[in-house]
């Protein structure tokens, strides 16, 4: 039987459980459906002392070995991530024992990857300097600000740059693992694995398809917050800049400044995002035709529907409906 491909996943307290178990399950299923004639995957979880860690969900995860027990060769080294809530926002957790170990272990591994906010650990270890990378859209701006030498792209589900891989939030670790299976064994095994797990072998579009309504900060101004709720309930009405400003009895200039200060986006961009969100839900949950979806979401025409989907999600309405 061929020697297995060794996968080591670094874990620490507070990690997202699926950051570890998601990729591990992809490699496990690939081993099972690939058969005995292919080298399967041997997945091991490593922690600083070899002991269990408690994940963000409260589930305790058992480790197979300590960091200093990880022997070469490691074919794939993955580091999971953790995000904590601080002062109403989010912050990636940096475990210094993990980053210190990564500095020595990653250069010796066949390839190294991060899941979710694990990219912040790779960056802290100096492994992403001068490289393209992605992470969960919630912390992408912070990664770019704290590590200006990293070329952060917040949209892709995953990015591969030579031996270094980074991926987006949580479930995207499974997408990245599937791509690794395809690299190791070909697209056929990756497709068979995806079918077994009831996954898409490749998602359509990037993180923006999930973060459009969530990435807009909550307004601290009651008037703006109330207006946002009103917009969501009146998407087919006149939502022009002039109409919205008049609703709050402001000049367009003052309204635009206030709205941007409270939400970090423009009124026009917010309205388009809200209408896109409505169109997505109609495509997911109904069998309405594209003209009906365009009209009900406030986008107006099928041409506009296509243009917004292409520009914001990198896909077409029909393809989005098939995927979701």
Protein backbone atom coordinates (compact mmCIF):
# COMPACT_ATOMS: atom_id res chain seq x y z
CA UNK A 1 0.00 0.00 0.00
CA UNK A 2 1.41 3.46 -0.93
CA UNK A 3 2.63 5.63 1.95
CA UNK A 4 -0.07 8.07 3.12
CA UNK A 5 0.12 11.80 2.63
CA UNK A 6 0.78 13.27 6.10
CA UNK A 7 -1.44 16.18 7.15
CA UNK A 8 -0.83 18.02 10.43
CA UNK A 9 -3.37 20.56 11.67
CA UNK A 10 -2.19 22.96 14.37
CA UNK A 11 -4.83 23.73 16.98
CA UNK A 12 -5.04 25.96 20.06
CA UNK A 13 -7.72 27.05 22.55
CA UNK A 14 -10.64 28.97 21.08
CA UNK A 15 -10.31 27.73 17.51
CA UNK A 16 -13.32 27.22 15.28
CA UNK A 17 -14.15 23.51 15.43
CA UNK A 18 -14.94 23.29 11.70
CA UNK A 19 -11.56 24.84 10.83
CA UNK A 20 -10.07 21.55 11.98
CA UNK A 21 -12.76 18.95 11.37
CA UNK A 22 -13.85 20.31 7.95
CA UNK A 23 -10.53 19.81 6.11
CA UNK A 24 -9.88 16.62 8.10
CA UNK A 25 -13.16 15.13 6.86
CA UNK A 26 -12.39 16.08 3.24
CA UNK A 27 -9.04 14.27 3.42
CA UNK A 28 -10.67 11.31 5.17
CA UNK A 29 -13.41 10.94 2.55
CA UNK A 30 -10.87 11.30 -0.26
CA UNK A 31 -8.89 8.45 1.25
CA UNK A 32 -11.96 6.23 1.46
CA UNK A 33 -13.35 6.88 -2.02
CA UNK A 34 -9.90 6.82 -3.62
CA UNK A 35 -9.35 3.16 -2.81
CA UNK A 36 -6.28 1.24 -1.66
CA UNK A 37 -4.35 1.82 -4.88
CA UNK A 38 -3.90 5.52 -4.13
CA UNK A 39 -1.91 6.98 -1.23
CA UNK A 40 -4.50 8.19 1.25
CA UNK A 41 -4.24 10.90 3.87
CA UNK A 42 -3.11 10.50 7.46
CA UNK A 43 -4.45 13.47 9.46
CA UNK A 44 -3.04 14.35 12.86
CA UNK A 45 -3.97 17.23 15.19
CA UNK A 46 -1.09 18.91 17.01
CA UNK A 47 -1.24 21.24 20.01
CA UNK A 48 1.50 22.96 21.99
CA UNK A 49 1.60 20.24 24.67
CA UNK A 50 -0.29 17.40 22.98
CA UNK A 51 -3.28 17.93 25.25
CA UNK A 52 -6.92 18.64 24.33
CA UNK A 53 -8.14 22.13 23.46
CA UNK A 54 -11.57 23.65 23.92
CA UNK A 55 -12.98 25.11 20.71
CA UNK A 56 -15.12 28.24 20.37
CA UNK A 57 -18.23 26.05 20.40
CA UNK A 58 -17.24 24.54 23.73
CA UNK A 59 -16.47 21.14 22.22
CA UNK A 60 -13.16 19.68 23.42
CA UNK A 61 -10.87 18.50 20.65
CA UNK A 62 -8.33 15.77 21.37
CA UNK A 63 -4.81 16.12 19.98
CA UNK A 64 -2.64 13.36 18.55
CA UNK A 65 0.73 14.87 19.37
CA UNK A 66 2.57 17.91 20.68
CA UNK A 67 4.32 20.42 18.44
CA UNK A 68 7.75 19.11 19.40
CA UNK A 69 6.62 15.58 18.50
CA UNK A 70 5.81 16.48 14.90
CA UNK A 71 8.48 14.77 12.83
CA UNK A 72 9.37 15.36 9.21
CA UNK A 73 8.22 14.87 6.59
CA UNK A 74 4.92 16.75 6.83
CA UNK A 75 3.27 16.92 3.42
CA UNK A 76 0.55 19.41 4.38
CA UNK A 77 0.69 21.70 7.41
CA UNK A 78 -2.51 23.57 8.24
CA UNK A 79 -3.17 26.15 10.94
CA UNK A 80 -6.71 26.81 12.10
CA UNK A 81 -7.99 30.18 13.25
CA UNK A 82 -9.92 31.80 16.07
CA UNK A 83 -11.88 35.05 16.27
CA UNK A 84 -13.01 36.73 19.48
CA UNK A 85 -15.56 39.48 20.05
CA UNK A 86 -14.06 42.66 21.48
CA UNK A 87 -15.91 45.95 22.08
CA UNK A 88 -18.63 45.09 19.61
CA UNK A 89 -16.13 44.09 16.92
CA UNK A 90 -14.04 41.06 16.07
CA UNK A 91 -10.36 40.35 16.57
CA UNK A 92 -8.26 37.41 15.37
CA UNK A 93 -6.60 35.44 18.13
CA UNK A 94 -2.80 35.26 17.88
CA UNK A 95 -1.39 32.30 19.78
CA UNK A 96 2.32 33.04 20.13
CA UNK A 97 3.27 29.41 20.76
CA UNK A 98 1.71 28.52 17.42
CA UNK A 99 3.42 31.34 15.51
CA UNK A 100 6.78 30.47 17.01
CA UNK A 101 6.39 26.83 15.99
CA UNK A 102 5.21 27.77 12.50
CA UNK A 103 8.41 29.72 11.84
CA UNK A 104 10.40 26.51 12.02
CA UNK A 105 7.84 23.93 10.86
CA UNK A 106 6.33 25.63 7.81
CA UNK A 107 9.53 25.93 5.71
CA UNK A 108 10.06 22.17 6.10
CA UNK A 109 6.51 21.19 5.08
CA UNK A 110 5.54 20.26 1.55
CA UNK A 111 2.87 22.95 1.63
CA UNK A 112 1.39 25.17 4.32
CA UNK A 113 -2.13 26.54 4.56
CA UNK A 114 -4.32 28.57 6.89
CA UNK A 115 -8.04 28.31 7.53
CA UNK A 116 -10.07 31.42 8.33
CA UNK A 117 -8.19 33.74 10.76
CA UNK A 118 -5.27 31.31 10.73
CA UNK A 119 -3.87 33.65 8.06
CA UNK A 120 -3.12 36.12 10.85
CA UNK A 121 -0.92 33.47 12.49
CA UNK A 122 0.96 32.87 9.23
CA UNK A 123 1.44 36.62 8.89
CA UNK A 124 2.63 36.95 12.48
CA UNK A 125 5.16 34.20 11.76
CA UNK A 126 6.45 36.21 8.79
CA UNK A 127 5.31 33.64 6.25
CA UNK A 128 3.03 35.88 4.16
CA UNK A 129 5.33 38.85 3.60
CA UNK A 130 5.17 39.93 -0.04
CA UNK A 131 2.58 37.29 -0.86
CA UNK A 132 -1.11 37.39 -1.81
CA UNK A 133 -3.43 36.07 0.89
CA UNK A 134 -7.03 35.97 2.00
CA UNK A 135 -8.85 35.40 5.27
CA UNK A 136 -12.35 35.74 6.68
CA UNK A 137 -13.93 38.91 5.30
CA UNK A 138 -14.55 40.09 8.87
CA UNK A 139 -10.82 40.40 9.59
CA UNK A 140 -9.38 41.06 6.12
CA UNK A 141 -9.08 44.83 6.67
CA UNK A 142 -7.22 44.22 9.93
CA UNK A 143 -4.82 41.79 8.26
CA UNK A 144 -4.03 44.37 5.57
CA UNK A 145 -3.57 47.16 8.13
CA UNK A 146 -1.35 45.19 10.50
CA UNK A 147 0.75 43.55 7.78
CA UNK A 148 1.07 46.03 4.89
CA UNK A 149 3.57 43.74 3.18
CA UNK A 150 0.83 41.12 2.65
CA UNK A 151 -1.26 41.58 -0.49
CA UNK A 152 -4.67 40.92 1.08
CA UNK A 153 -7.60 40.12 -1.20
CA UNK A 154 -10.78 39.73 0.88
CA UNK A 155 -12.96 38.13 -1.80
CA UNK A 156 -11.49 34.75 -2.91
CA UNK A 157 -12.58 31.54 -1.22
CA UNK A 158 -8.92 30.51 -1.20
CA UNK A 159 -5.61 31.65 -2.68
CA UNK A 160 -2.66 29.48 -3.60
CA UNK A 161 0.75 31.07 -3.97
CA UNK A 162 3.29 28.34 -4.58
CA UNK A 163 3.55 26.23 -1.43
CA UNK A 164 1.44 28.65 0.62
CA UNK A 165 -2.34 28.50 0.71
CA UNK A 166 -4.79 30.74 2.56
CA UNK A 167 -8.56 30.53 2.63
CA UNK A 168 -11.59 32.49 3.75
CA UNK A 169 -13.89 31.84 6.67
CA UNK A 170 -14.58 28.51 8.34
CA UNK A 171 -16.29 26.26 5.73
CA UNK A 172 -13.91 27.50 3.02
CA UNK A 173 -11.26 25.26 4.60
CA UNK A 174 -13.17 22.40 3.02
CA UNK A 175 -13.02 24.08 -0.39
CA UNK A 176 -9.27 24.51 0.00
CA UNK A 177 -8.85 20.90 1.09
CA UNK A 178 -10.76 19.75 -2.01
CA UNK A 179 -8.42 21.79 -4.18
CA UNK A 180 -5.47 20.13 -2.45
CA UNK A 181 -6.99 16.70 -3.18
CA UNK A 182 -7.29 17.73 -6.83
CA UNK A 183 -3.66 18.82 -6.85
CA UNK A 184 -2.53 15.53 -5.28
CA UNK A 185 -4.76 13.07 -7.12
CA UNK A 186 -6.53 14.84 -9.96
CA UNK A 187 -9.92 16.42 -10.51
CA UNK A 188 -11.78 13.11 -10.73
CA UNK A 189 -11.05 12.16 -7.12
CA UNK A 190 -11.84 15.69 -5.95
CA UNK A 191 -15.18 15.52 -7.76
CA UNK A 192 -15.94 12.09 -6.28
CA UNK A 193 -15.08 13.40 -2.82
CA UNK A 194 -17.29 16.46 -3.30
CA UNK A 195 -20.21 14.34 -4.44
CA UNK A 196 -19.84 12.04 -1.46
CA UNK A 197 -19.85 15.03 0.90
CA UNK A 198 -22.67 16.76 -1.01
CA UNK A 199 -20.38 19.70 -1.74
CA UNK A 200 -19.62 21.73 -4.83
CA UNK A 201 -16.19 20.92 -6.13
CA UNK A 202 -15.73 24.64 -6.79
CA UNK A 203 -17.93 27.45 -5.53
CA UNK A 204 -19.17 30.15 -7.84
CA UNK A 205 -18.13 33.63 -6.76
CA UNK A 206 -16.21 34.76 -3.70
CA UNK A 207 -16.82 35.86 -0.12
CA UNK A 208 -18.79 38.92 -1.20
CA UNK A 209 -21.75 36.67 -1.95
CA UNK A 210 -21.97 35.99 1.78
CA UNK A 211 -20.90 39.31 3.27
CA UNK A 212 -22.90 41.90 1.30
CA UNK A 213 -25.48 42.55 4.04
CA UNK A 214 -23.15 41.78 6.93
CA UNK A 215 -20.14 43.88 6.03
CA UNK A 216 -21.99 47.18 6.46
CA UNK A 217 -21.41 48.46 9.96
CA UNK A 218 -24.43 49.00 12.19
CA UNK A 219 -25.27 52.66 12.30
CA UNK A 220 -25.11 54.33 15.67
CA UNK A 221 -27.37 57.12 14.39
CA UNK A 222 -31.02 56.11 14.92
CA UNK A 223 -32.16 58.00 11.84
CA UNK A 224 -29.76 56.17 9.56
CA UNK A 225 -30.50 52.82 11.17
CA UNK A 226 -34.24 53.40 10.77
CA UNK A 227 -33.70 54.42 7.14
CA UNK A 228 -31.80 51.20 6.45
CA UNK A 229 -34.72 49.17 7.80
CA UNK A 230 -37.12 51.22 5.70
CA UNK A 231 -35.02 50.64 2.57
CA UNK A 232 -35.17 46.86 3.09
CA UNK A 233 -38.98 47.05 3.14
CA UNK A 234 -39.36 49.39 0.14
CA UNK A 235 -36.84 48.13 -2.41
CA UNK A 236 -39.10 48.79 -5.40
CA UNK A 237 -39.68 52.45 -4.54
CA UNK A 238 -37.60 55.48 -5.52
CA UNK A 239 -34.39 55.04 -3.52
CA UNK A 240 -32.37 57.68 -5.28
CA UNK A 241 -29.98 59.85 -3.32
CA UNK A 242 -32.38 62.78 -3.57
CA UNK A 243 -35.35 60.73 -2.35
CA UNK A 244 -33.49 59.28 0.62
CA UNK A 245 -32.05 62.65 1.63
CA UNK A 246 -35.50 64.20 1.44
CA UNK A 247 -36.88 61.46 3.66
CA UNK A 248 -34.46 62.54 6.41
CA UNK A 249 -35.02 66.23 5.59
CA UNK A 250 -31.36 66.78 4.71
CA UNK A 251 -29.41 68.13 1.81
CA UNK A 252 -27.94 65.42 -0.41
CA UNK A 253 -24.43 66.49 0.54
CA UNK A 254 -25.03 66.35 4.30
CA UNK A 255 -26.98 63.08 4.01
CA UNK A 256 -24.22 61.43 1.97
CA UNK A 257 -21.56 62.45 4.51
CA UNK A 258 -23.66 61.25 7.46
CA UNK A 259 -24.61 57.95 5.83
CA UNK A 260 -20.99 57.20 4.91
CA UNK A 261 -19.74 58.13 8.38
CA UNK A 262 -22.29 55.82 10.01
CA UNK A 263 -22.08 52.85 7.62
CA UNK A 264 -18.73 53.15 5.79
CA UNK A 265 -20.51 52.97 2.44
CA UNK A 266 -22.45 55.30 0.16
CA UNK A 267 -26.25 55.41 -0.06
CA UNK A 268 -26.17 54.20 -3.67
CA UNK A 269 -23.89 51.26 -2.89
CA UNK A 270 -26.02 50.31 0.11
CA UNK A 271 -29.25 50.35 -1.89
CA UNK A 272 -27.69 48.21 -4.60
CA UNK A 273 -26.40 45.76 -1.98
CA UNK A 274 -29.84 45.55 -0.37
CA UNK A 275 -31.50 44.92 -3.71
CA UNK A 276 -28.90 42.32 -4.59
CA UNK A 277 -29.53 40.58 -1.28
CA UNK A 278 -33.26 40.46 -2.05
CA UNK A 279 -32.58 39.08 -5.53
CA UNK A 280 -30.33 36.38 -4.07
CA UNK A 281 -33.02 35.26 -1.65
CA UNK A 282 -35.63 35.12 -4.42
CA UNK A 283 -33.31 33.01 -6.56
CA UNK A 284 -32.60 30.68 -3.64
CA UNK A 285 -36.13 30.31 -2.31
CA UNK A 286 -38.52 30.76 -5.24
CA UNK A 287 -39.03 29.71 -8.85
CA UNK A 288 -39.74 33.24 -10.07
CA UNK A 289 -38.44 34.12 -13.52
CA UNK A 290 -35.49 36.48 -13.88
CA UNK A 291 -37.71 39.41 -14.97
CA UNK A 292 -39.88 38.83 -11.88
CA UNK A 293 -36.81 38.67 -9.63
CA UNK A 294 -35.43 41.87 -11.15
CA UNK A 295 -38.72 43.68 -10.61
CA UNK A 296 -39.39 42.39 -7.08
CA UNK A 297 -35.89 43.20 -5.86
CA UNK A 298 -35.98 46.73 -7.21
CA UNK A 299 -33.18 46.15 -9.71
CA UNK A 300 -35.70 46.75 -12.48
CA UNK A 301 -34.42 44.90 -15.52
CA UNK A 302 -32.79 41.57 -16.27
CA UNK A 303 -29.89 43.49 -17.78
CA UNK A 304 -29.31 45.32 -14.49
CA UNK A 305 -29.74 42.06 -12.56
CA UNK A 306 -27.01 40.42 -14.66
CA UNK A 307 -24.71 43.43 -14.41
CA UNK A 308 -24.93 43.63 -10.60
CA UNK A 309 -24.43 39.88 -10.15
CA UNK A 310 -21.41 39.89 -12.46
CA UNK A 311 -19.81 42.90 -10.83
CA UNK A 312 -20.46 42.03 -7.18
CA UNK A 313 -20.55 38.22 -7.12
CA UNK A 314 -18.59 37.23 -10.21
CA UNK A 315 -21.40 34.99 -11.49
CA UNK A 316 -24.75 35.12 -13.30
CA UNK A 317 -28.21 34.93 -11.68
CA UNK A 318 -28.88 31.58 -13.38
CA UNK A 319 -25.59 30.10 -12.19
CA UNK A 320 -26.20 31.44 -8.67
CA UNK A 321 -29.62 29.75 -8.60
CA UNK A 322 -28.10 26.44 -9.69
CA UNK A 323 -25.45 26.66 -6.98
CA UNK A 324 -27.63 27.78 -4.09
